[in-house]
């Protein structure tokens, strides 16, 4: 069974992230819809959004604590990012 793995992320100040998958697929993920949702509201801090965006456990994550601790991070399901509907993705290739 195929399971997408994120290998690289490049965050942008407009709250989008270029997400690179192990099979070569690239997705521009628009995270603005997360900004007012519970624990994700910390991402409204643009500096935190950009500087703490990383790959953790093979997916897009934000290292909230700055200690690269998976228990104190925010992450997204890589299958959700990989399979976004056409209305919410913009392929870079």
PDB file of N, CA and C in Angstrom:
ATOM      1  N   UNK A   1       0.839  -1.194   0.000  1.00  0.00           N
ATOM      2  CA  UNK A   1       0.000   0.000   0.000  1.00  0.00           C
ATOM      3  C   UNK A   1       0.878   1.250   0.000  1.00  0.00           C
ATOM      4  N   UNK A   2       0.550   2.196  -0.841  1.00  0.00           N
ATOM      5  CA  UNK A   2       1.322   3.434  -0.968  1.00  0.00           C
ATOM      6  C   UNK A   2       1.061   4.350   0.216  1.00  0.00           C
ATOM      7  N   UNK A   3       2.134   4.881   0.780  1.00  0.00           N
ATOM      8  CA  UNK A   3       2.026   5.841   1.867  1.00  0.00           C
ATOM      9  C   UNK A   3       2.969   6.995   1.562  1.00  0.00           C
ATOM     10  N   UNK A   4       2.430   8.176   1.250  1.00  0.00           N
ATOM     11  CA  UNK A   4       3.293   9.297   0.882  1.00  0.00           C
ATOM     12  C   UNK A   4       4.149   9.764   2.056  1.00  0.00           C
ATOM     13  N   UNK A   5       5.390  10.117   1.750  1.00  0.00           N
ATOM     14  CA  UNK A   5       6.305  10.633   2.765  1.00  0.00           C
ATOM     15  C   UNK A   5       6.853  11.972   2.303  1.00  0.00           C
ATOM     16  N   UNK A   6       6.803  12.947   3.178  1.00  0.00           N
ATOM     17  CA  UNK A   6       7.344  14.273   2.899  1.00  0.00           C
ATOM     18  C   UNK A   6       8.851  14.229   3.146  1.00  0.00           C
ATOM     19  N   UNK A   7       9.614  14.773   2.191  1.00  0.00           N
ATOM     20  CA  UNK A   7      11.064  14.791   2.326  1.00  0.00           C
ATOM     21  C   UNK A   7      11.630  16.200   2.478  1.00  0.00           C
ATOM     22  N   UNK A   8      10.856  17.211   2.065  1.00  0.00           N
ATOM     23  CA  UNK A   8      11.326  18.585   2.180  1.00  0.00           C
ATOM     24  C   UNK A   8      10.132  19.527   2.192  1.00  0.00           C
ATOM     25  N   UNK A   9      10.274  20.636   2.917  1.00  0.00           N
ATOM     26  CA  UNK A   9       9.247  21.678   2.922  1.00  0.00           C
ATOM     27  C   UNK A   9       9.924  23.038   2.786  1.00  0.00           C
ATOM     28  N   UNK A  10       9.269  23.933   2.065  1.00  0.00           N
ATOM     29  CA  UNK A  10       9.745  25.303   1.939  1.00  0.00           C
ATOM     30  C   UNK A  10       8.562  26.217   2.262  1.00  0.00           C
ATOM     31  N   UNK A  11       8.579  26.835   3.459  1.00  0.00           N
ATOM     32  CA  UNK A  11       7.476  27.719   3.846  1.00  0.00           C
ATOM     33  C   UNK A  11       7.627  29.112   3.246  1.00  0.00           C
ATOM     34  N   UNK A  12       6.492  29.776   3.077  1.00  0.00           N
ATOM     35  CA  UNK A  12       6.465  31.137   2.540  1.00  0.00           C
ATOM     36  C   UNK A  12       5.651  32.030   3.469  1.00  0.00           C
ATOM     37  N   UNK A  13       5.940  33.321   3.438  1.00  0.00           N
ATOM     38  CA  UNK A  13       5.273  34.267   4.334  1.00  0.00           C
ATOM     39  C   UNK A  13       3.793  34.447   4.048  1.00  0.00           C
ATOM     40  N   UNK A  14       3.310  33.954   2.925  1.00  0.00           N
ATOM     41  CA  UNK A  14       1.879  34.052   2.623  1.00  0.00           C
ATOM     42  C   UNK A  14       1.113  32.841   3.167  1.00  0.00           C
ATOM     43  N   UNK A  15       1.745  32.101   4.073  1.00  0.00           N
ATOM     44  CA  UNK A  15       1.155  30.921   4.731  1.00  0.00           C
ATOM     45  C   UNK A  15       0.929  29.760   3.764  1.00  0.00           C
ATOM     46  N   UNK A  16       1.776  29.676   2.754  1.00  0.00           N
ATOM     47  CA  UNK A  16       1.796  28.493   1.906  1.00  0.00           C
ATOM     48  C   UNK A  16       3.112  27.766   2.155  1.00  0.00           C
ATOM     49  N   UNK A  17       3.108  26.485   1.815  1.00  0.00           N
ATOM     50  CA  UNK A  17       4.313  25.665   1.974  1.00  0.00           C
ATOM     51  C   UNK A  17       4.452  24.797   0.732  1.00  0.00           C
ATOM     52  N   UNK A  18       5.626  24.816   0.133  1.00  0.00           N
ATOM     53  CA  UNK A  18       5.928  23.879  -0.946  1.00  0.00           C
ATOM     54  C   UNK A  18       6.320  22.568  -0.269  1.00  0.00           C
ATOM     55  N   UNK A  19       5.585  21.508  -0.565  1.00  0.00           N
ATOM     56  CA  UNK A  19       5.789  20.210   0.082  1.00  0.00           C
ATOM     57  C   UNK A  19       6.274  19.222  -0.973  1.00  0.00           C
ATOM     58  N   UNK A  20       7.450  18.651  -0.738  1.00  0.00           N
ATOM     59  CA  UNK A  20       8.078  17.719  -1.661  1.00  0.00           C
ATOM     60  C   UNK A  20       7.940  16.299  -1.107  1.00  0.00           C
ATOM     61  N   UNK A  21       7.415  15.404  -1.929  1.00  0.00           N
ATOM     62  CA  UNK A  21       7.206  14.014  -1.524  1.00  0.00           C
ATOM     63  C   UNK A  21       8.291  13.104  -2.087  1.00  0.00           C
ATOM     64  N   UNK A  22       8.449  11.957  -1.479  1.00  0.00           N
ATOM     65  CA  UNK A  22       9.502  11.004  -1.847  1.00  0.00           C
ATOM     66  C   UNK A  22       9.356  10.459  -3.266  1.00  0.00           C
ATOM     67  N   UNK A  23       8.179  10.527  -3.831  1.00  0.00           N
ATOM     68  CA  UNK A  23       7.980  10.015  -5.194  1.00  0.00           C
ATOM     69  C   UNK A  23       8.125  11.110  -6.257  1.00  0.00           C
ATOM     70  N   UNK A  24       8.534  12.314  -5.841  1.00  0.00           N
ATOM     71  CA  UNK A  24       8.745  13.408  -6.775  1.00  0.00           C
ATOM     72  C   UNK A  24       7.596  14.396  -6.877  1.00  0.00           C
ATOM     73  N   UNK A  25       6.458  14.064  -6.318  1.00  0.00           N
ATOM     74  CA  UNK A  25       5.315  14.981  -6.368  1.00  0.00           C
ATOM     75  C   UNK A  25       5.603  16.198  -5.490  1.00  0.00           C
ATOM     76  N   UNK A  26       5.175  17.358  -5.985  1.00  0.00           N
ATOM     77  CA  UNK A  26       5.322  18.610  -5.248  1.00  0.00           C
ATOM     78  C   UNK A  26       3.953  19.260  -5.147  1.00  0.00           C
ATOM     79  N   UNK A  27       3.588  19.663  -3.941  1.00  0.00           N
ATOM     80  CA  UNK A  27       2.297  20.302  -3.700  1.00  0.00           C
ATOM     81  C   UNK A  27       2.535  21.640  -3.016  1.00  0.00           C
ATOM     82  N   UNK A  28       1.843  22.673  -3.472  1.00  0.00           N
ATOM     83  CA  UNK A  28       1.832  23.952  -2.756  1.00  0.00           C
ATOM     84  C   UNK A  28       0.642  23.883  -1.807  1.00  0.00           C
ATOM     85  N   UNK A  29       0.934  23.767  -0.512  1.00  0.00           N
ATOM     86  CA  UNK A  29      -0.108  23.629   0.499  1.00  0.00           C
ATOM     87  C   UNK A  29      -0.436  24.998   1.074  1.00  0.00           C
ATOM     88  N   UNK A  30      -1.686  25.382   1.008  1.00  0.00           N
ATOM     89  CA  UNK A  30      -2.159  26.652   1.547  1.00  0.00           C
ATOM     90  C   UNK A  30      -2.672  26.397   2.959  1.00  0.00           C
ATOM     91  N   UNK A  31      -1.938  26.884   3.955  1.00  0.00           N
ATOM     92  CA  UNK A  31      -2.266  26.620   5.358  1.00  0.00           C
ATOM     93  C   UNK A  31      -3.129  27.708   5.989  1.00  0.00           C
ATOM     94  N   UNK A  32      -3.570  28.677   5.223  1.00  0.00           N
ATOM     95  CA  UNK A  32      -4.361  29.782   5.813  1.00  0.00           C
ATOM     96  C   UNK A  32      -5.624  29.301   6.495  1.00  0.00           C
ATOM     97  N   UNK A  33      -6.214  28.222   6.014  1.00  0.00           N
ATOM     98  CA  UNK A  33      -7.449  27.722   6.629  1.00  0.00           C
ATOM     99  C   UNK A  33      -7.205  27.162   8.032  1.00  0.00           C
ATOM    100  N   UNK A  34      -5.959  26.907   8.395  1.00  0.00           N
ATOM    101  CA  UNK A  34      -5.633  26.368   9.719  1.00  0.00           C
ATOM    102  C   UNK A  34      -5.500  27.452  10.789  1.00  0.00           C
ATOM    103  N   UNK A  35      -5.249  28.684  10.383  1.00  0.00           N
ATOM    104  CA  UNK A  35      -4.829  29.740  11.300  1.00  0.00           C
ATOM    105  C   UNK A  35      -5.800  30.025  12.437  1.00  0.00           C
ATOM    106  N   UNK A  36      -7.053  29.794  12.258  1.00  0.00           N
ATOM    107  CA  UNK A  36      -8.034  30.069  13.311  1.00  0.00           C
ATOM    108  C   UNK A  36      -8.633  28.792  13.883  1.00  0.00           C
ATOM    109  N   UNK A  37      -7.907  27.684  13.781  1.00  0.00           N
ATOM    110  CA  UNK A  37      -8.412  26.397  14.250  1.00  0.00           C
ATOM    111  C   UNK A  37      -7.617  25.893  15.449  1.00  0.00           C
ATOM    112  N   UNK A  38      -8.137  26.113  16.628  1.00  0.00           N
ATOM    113  CA  UNK A  38      -7.577  25.540  17.849  1.00  0.00           C
ATOM    114  C   UNK A  38      -6.079  25.697  17.995  1.00  0.00           C
ATOM    115  N   UNK A  39      -5.381  24.571  18.150  1.00  0.00           N
ATOM    116  CA  UNK A  39      -3.941  24.599  18.408  1.00  0.00           C
ATOM    117  C   UNK A  39      -3.151  25.222  17.259  1.00  0.00           C
ATOM    118  N   UNK A  40      -3.700  25.213  16.064  1.00  0.00           N
ATOM    119  CA  UNK A  40      -3.003  25.778  14.913  1.00  0.00           C
ATOM    120  C   UNK A  40      -2.985  27.304  14.924  1.00  0.00           C
ATOM    121  N   UNK A  41      -3.734  27.939  15.821  1.00  0.00           N
ATOM    122  CA  UNK A  41      -3.770  29.406  15.865  1.00  0.00           C
ATOM    123  C   UNK A  41      -2.398  30.012  16.160  1.00  0.00           C
ATOM    124  N   UNK A  42      -1.470  29.253  16.754  1.00  0.00           N
ATOM    125  CA  UNK A  42      -0.120  29.779  16.993  1.00  0.00           C
ATOM    126  C   UNK A  42       0.601  30.075  15.681  1.00  0.00           C
ATOM    127  N   UNK A  43       0.127  29.470  14.602  1.00  0.00           N
ATOM    128  CA  UNK A  43       0.761  29.682  13.297  1.00  0.00           C
ATOM    129  C   UNK A  43       0.469  31.060  12.712  1.00  0.00           C
ATOM    130  N   UNK A  44      -0.425  31.841  13.342  1.00  0.00           N
ATOM    131  CA  UNK A  44      -0.653  33.205  12.875  1.00  0.00           C
ATOM    132  C   UNK A  44       0.604  34.056  13.061  1.00  0.00           C
ATOM    133  N   UNK A  45       1.493  33.627  13.953  1.00  0.00           N
ATOM    134  CA  UNK A  45       2.796  34.275  14.114  1.00  0.00           C
ATOM    135  C   UNK A  45       3.621  33.904  12.883  1.00  0.00           C
ATOM    136  N   UNK A  46       3.757  34.839  11.959  1.00  0.00           N
ATOM    137  CA  UNK A  46       4.406  34.561  10.675  1.00  0.00           C
ATOM    138  C   UNK A  46       5.837  34.069  10.849  1.00  0.00           C
ATOM    139  N   UNK A  47       6.534  34.617  11.828  1.00  0.00           N
ATOM    140  CA  UNK A  47       7.917  34.198  12.089  1.00  0.00           C
ATOM    141  C   UNK A  47       7.952  32.727  12.513  1.00  0.00           C
ATOM    142  N   UNK A  48       7.062  32.334  13.411  1.00  0.00           N
ATOM    143  CA  UNK A  48       6.981  30.935  13.843  1.00  0.00           C
ATOM    144  C   UNK A  48       6.587  30.045  12.675  1.00  0.00           C
ATOM    145  N   UNK A  49       5.632  30.480  11.884  1.00  0.00           N
ATOM    146  CA  UNK A  49       5.183  29.700  10.727  1.00  0.00           C
ATOM    147  C   UNK A  49       6.347  29.370   9.801  1.00  0.00           C
ATOM    148  N   UNK A  50       7.153  30.362   9.494  1.00  0.00           N
ATOM    149  CA  UNK A  50       8.240  30.177   8.545  1.00  0.00           C
ATOM    150  C   UNK A  50       9.443  29.484   9.185  1.00  0.00           C
ATOM    151  N   UNK A  51       9.866  29.953  10.357  1.00  0.00           N
ATOM    152  CA  UNK A  51      11.097  29.452  10.955  1.00  0.00           C
ATOM    153  C   UNK A  51      10.973  28.065  11.578  1.00  0.00           C
ATOM    154  N   UNK A  52       9.793  27.675  12.003  1.00  0.00           N
ATOM    155  CA  UNK A  52       9.623  26.384  12.662  1.00  0.00           C
ATOM    156  C   UNK A  52       8.985  25.326  11.761  1.00  0.00           C
ATOM    157  N   UNK A  53       8.767  25.660  10.517  1.00  0.00           N
ATOM    158  CA  UNK A  53       8.224  24.699   9.561  1.00  0.00           C
ATOM    159  C   UNK A  53       9.319  23.690   9.238  1.00  0.00           C
ATOM    160  N   UNK A  54       8.976  22.403   9.301  1.00  0.00           N
ATOM    161  CA  UNK A  54       9.979  21.358   9.132  1.00  0.00           C
ATOM    162  C   UNK A  54       9.333  20.058   8.662  1.00  0.00           C
ATOM    163  N   UNK A  55      10.159  19.065   8.486  1.00  0.00           N
ATOM    164  CA  UNK A  55       9.686  17.707   8.243  1.00  0.00           C
ATOM    165  C   UNK A  55       9.922  16.920   9.513  1.00  0.00           C
ATOM    166  N   UNK A  56       8.871  16.315  10.021  1.00  0.00           N
ATOM    167  CA  UNK A  56       8.971  15.494  11.221  1.00  0.00           C
ATOM    168  C   UNK A  56       8.072  14.285  11.021  1.00  0.00           C
ATOM    169  N   UNK A  57       8.584  13.119  11.285  1.00  0.00           N
ATOM    170  CA  UNK A  57       7.826  11.875  11.097  1.00  0.00           C
ATOM    171  C   UNK A  57       7.267  11.758   9.681  1.00  0.00           C
ATOM    172  N   UNK A  58       8.064  12.157   8.705  1.00  0.00           N
ATOM    173  CA  UNK A  58       7.727  12.032   7.281  1.00  0.00           C
ATOM    174  C   UNK A  58       6.543  12.879   6.851  1.00  0.00           C
ATOM    175  N   UNK A  59       6.313  14.000   7.553  1.00  0.00           N
ATOM    176  CA  UNK A  59       5.222  14.885   7.145  1.00  0.00           C
ATOM    177  C   UNK A  59       5.551  16.336   7.457  1.00  0.00           C
ATOM    178  N   UNK A  60       4.733  17.230   6.940  1.00  0.00           N
ATOM    179  CA  UNK A  60       4.833  18.658   7.218  1.00  0.00           C
ATOM    180  C   UNK A  60       4.489  18.895   8.680  1.00  0.00           C
ATOM    181  N   UNK A  61       5.371  19.630   9.367  1.00  0.00           N
ATOM    182  CA  UNK A  61       5.143  19.892  10.795  1.00  0.00           C
ATOM    183  C   UNK A  61       5.701  21.264  11.159  1.00  0.00           C
ATOM    184  N   UNK A  62       5.259  21.752  12.305  1.00  0.00           N
ATOM    185  CA  UNK A  62       5.815  22.959  12.894  1.00  0.00           C
ATOM    186  C   UNK A  62       6.327  22.596  14.272  1.00  0.00           C
ATOM    187  N   UNK A  63       7.608  22.851  14.490  1.00  0.00           N
ATOM    188  CA  UNK A  63       8.289  22.551  15.741  1.00  0.00           C
ATOM    189  C   UNK A  63       8.005  23.678  16.736  1.00  0.00           C
ATOM    190  N   UNK A  64       6.876  23.604  17.403  1.00  0.00           N
ATOM    191  CA  UNK A  64       6.394  24.679  18.269  1.00  0.00           C
ATOM    192  C   UNK A  64       7.372  24.987  19.402  1.00  0.00           C
ATOM    193  N   UNK A  65       7.938  23.964  20.031  1.00  0.00           N
ATOM    194  CA  UNK A  65       8.823  24.169  21.184  1.00  0.00           C
ATOM    195  C   UNK A  65      10.223  24.613  20.779  1.00  0.00           C
ATOM    196  N   UNK A  66      10.616  24.374  19.539  1.00  0.00           N
ATOM    197  CA  UNK A  66      11.976  24.682  19.120  1.00  0.00           C
ATOM    198  C   UNK A  66      12.973  23.618  19.536  1.00  0.00           C
ATOM    199  N   UNK A  67      12.496  22.500  20.064  1.00  0.00           N
ATOM    200  CA  UNK A  67      13.364  21.424  20.548  1.00  0.00           C
ATOM    201  C   UNK A  67      13.305  20.183  19.667  1.00  0.00           C
ATOM    202  N   UNK A  68      12.642  20.286  18.539  1.00  0.00           N
ATOM    203  CA  UNK A  68      12.432  19.161  17.624  1.00  0.00           C
ATOM    204  C   UNK A  68      11.854  17.959  18.371  1.00  0.00           C
ATOM    205  N   UNK A  69      10.835  18.266  19.174  1.00  0.00           N
ATOM    206  CA  UNK A  69      10.151  17.258  19.996  1.00  0.00           C
ATOM    207  C   UNK A  69       8.807  16.949  19.341  1.00  0.00           C
ATOM    208  N   UNK A  70       8.648  15.708  18.822  1.00  0.00           N
ATOM    209  CA  UNK A  70       7.390  15.369  18.152  1.00  0.00           C
ATOM    210  C   UNK A  70       6.154  15.486  19.038  1.00  0.00           C
ATOM    211  N   UNK A  71       6.344  15.460  20.357  1.00  0.00           N
ATOM    212  CA  UNK A  71       5.196  15.582  21.260  1.00  0.00           C
ATOM    213  C   UNK A  71       4.781  17.038  21.450  1.00  0.00           C
ATOM    214  N   UNK A  72       5.614  17.967  21.006  1.00  0.00           N
ATOM    215  CA  UNK A  72       5.292  19.393  21.122  1.00  0.00           C
ATOM    216  C   UNK A  72       5.406  20.038  19.738  1.00  0.00           C
ATOM    217  N   UNK A  73       4.718  19.421  18.793  1.00  0.00           N
ATOM    218  CA  UNK A  73       4.727  19.943  17.422  1.00  0.00           C
ATOM    219  C   UNK A  73       3.322  19.846  16.851  1.00  0.00           C
ATOM    220  N   UNK A  74       3.126  20.527  15.760  1.00  0.00           N
ATOM    221  CA  UNK A  74       1.870  20.449  15.012  1.00  0.00           C
ATOM    222  C   UNK A  74       2.200  19.801  13.683  1.00  0.00           C
ATOM    223  N   UNK A  75       1.436  18.790  13.314  1.00  0.00           N
ATOM    224  CA  UNK A  75       1.699  18.158  12.029  1.00  0.00           C
ATOM    225  C   UNK A  75       0.406  17.838  11.313  1.00  0.00           C
ATOM    226  N   UNK A  76       0.558  17.557  10.026  1.00  0.00           N
ATOM    227  CA  UNK A  76      -0.587  17.252   9.180  1.00  0.00           C
ATOM    228  C   UNK A  76      -0.410  15.865   8.586  1.00  0.00           C
ATOM    229  N   UNK A  77      -1.494  15.209   8.324  1.00  0.00           N
ATOM    230  CA  UNK A  77      -1.474  13.885   7.717  1.00  0.00           C
ATOM    231  C   UNK A  77      -0.913  14.011   6.291  1.00  0.00           C
ATOM    232  N   UNK A  78       0.186  13.311   5.976  1.00  0.00           N
ATOM    233  CA  UNK A  78       0.750  13.438   4.634  1.00  0.00           C
ATOM    234  C   UNK A  78      -0.202  12.967   3.539  1.00  0.00           C
ATOM    235  N   UNK A  79      -1.091  12.048   3.855  1.00  0.00           N
ATOM    236  CA  UNK A  79      -2.059  11.590   2.855  1.00  0.00           C
ATOM    237  C   UNK A  79      -3.050  12.688   2.497  1.00  0.00           C
ATOM    238  N   UNK A  80      -3.382  13.524   3.457  1.00  0.00           N
ATOM    239  CA  UNK A  80      -4.284  14.649   3.198  1.00  0.00           C
ATOM    240  C   UNK A  80      -3.593  15.663   2.289  1.00  0.00           C
ATOM    241  N   UNK A  81      -2.333  15.968   2.595  1.00  0.00           N
ATOM    242  CA  UNK A  81      -1.594  16.932   1.771  1.00  0.00           C
ATOM    243  C   UNK A  81      -1.407  16.374   0.358  1.00  0.00           C
ATOM    244  N   UNK A  82      -1.042  15.139   0.247  1.00  0.00           N
ATOM    245  CA  UNK A  82      -0.769  14.503  -1.038  1.00  0.00           C
ATOM    246  C   UNK A  82      -2.007  14.438  -1.922  1.00  0.00           C
ATOM    247  N   UNK A  83      -3.150  14.207  -1.308  1.00  0.00           N
ATOM    248  CA  UNK A  83      -4.376  14.019  -2.082  1.00  0.00           C
ATOM    249  C   UNK A  83      -5.325  15.183  -2.059  1.00  0.00           C
ATOM    250  N   UNK A  84      -4.827  16.395  -1.874  1.00  0.00           N
ATOM    251  CA  UNK A  84      -5.689  17.573  -1.833  1.00  0.00           C
ATOM    252  C   UNK A  84      -6.524  17.682  -3.098  1.00  0.00           C
ATOM    253  N   UNK A  85      -7.723  18.202  -2.947  1.00  0.00           N
ATOM    254  CA  UNK A  85      -8.587  18.430  -4.118  1.00  0.00           C
ATOM    255  C   UNK A  85      -7.962  19.509  -4.988  1.00  0.00           C
ATOM    256  N   UNK A  86      -8.323  19.543  -6.257  1.00  0.00           N
ATOM    257  CA  UNK A  86      -7.757  20.505  -7.193  1.00  0.00           C
ATOM    258  C   UNK A  86      -8.016  21.953  -6.751  1.00  0.00           C
ATOM    259  N   UNK A  87      -9.052  22.185  -6.011  1.00  0.00           N
ATOM    260  CA  UNK A  87      -9.374  23.546  -5.576  1.00  0.00           C
ATOM    261  C   UNK A  87      -8.390  24.049  -4.522  1.00  0.00           C
ATOM    262  N   UNK A  88      -7.671  23.132  -3.867  1.00  0.00           N
ATOM    263  CA  UNK A  88      -6.786  23.547  -2.781  1.00  0.00           C
ATOM    264  C   UNK A  88      -5.325  23.217  -3.036  1.00  0.00           C
ATOM    265  N   UNK A  89      -4.985  22.838  -4.231  1.00  0.00           N
ATOM    266  CA  UNK A  89      -3.580  22.571  -4.503  1.00  0.00           C
ATOM    267  C   UNK A  89      -3.142  23.270  -5.790  1.00  0.00           C
ATOM    268  N   UNK A  90      -1.854  23.456  -5.895  1.00  0.00           N
ATOM    269  CA  UNK A  90      -1.279  24.058  -7.076  1.00  0.00           C
ATOM    270  C   UNK A  90       0.038  23.336  -7.323  1.00  0.00           C
ATOM    271  N   UNK A  91       0.036  22.408  -8.238  1.00  0.00           N
ATOM    272  CA  UNK A  91       1.231  21.633  -8.515  1.00  0.00           C
ATOM    273  C   UNK A  91       2.316  22.556  -9.063  1.00  0.00           C
ATOM    274  N   UNK A  92       3.525  22.383  -8.591  1.00  0.00           N
ATOM    275  CA  UNK A  92       4.636  23.227  -9.020  1.00  0.00           C
ATOM    276  C   UNK A  92       5.364  22.643 -10.218  1.00  0.00           C
ATOM    277  N   UNK A  93       4.995  21.438 -10.600  1.00  0.00           N
ATOM    278  CA  UNK A  93       5.713  20.821 -11.724  1.00  0.00           C
ATOM    279  C   UNK A  93       4.952  20.998 -13.010  1.00  0.00           C
TER     280      UNK A  93
END
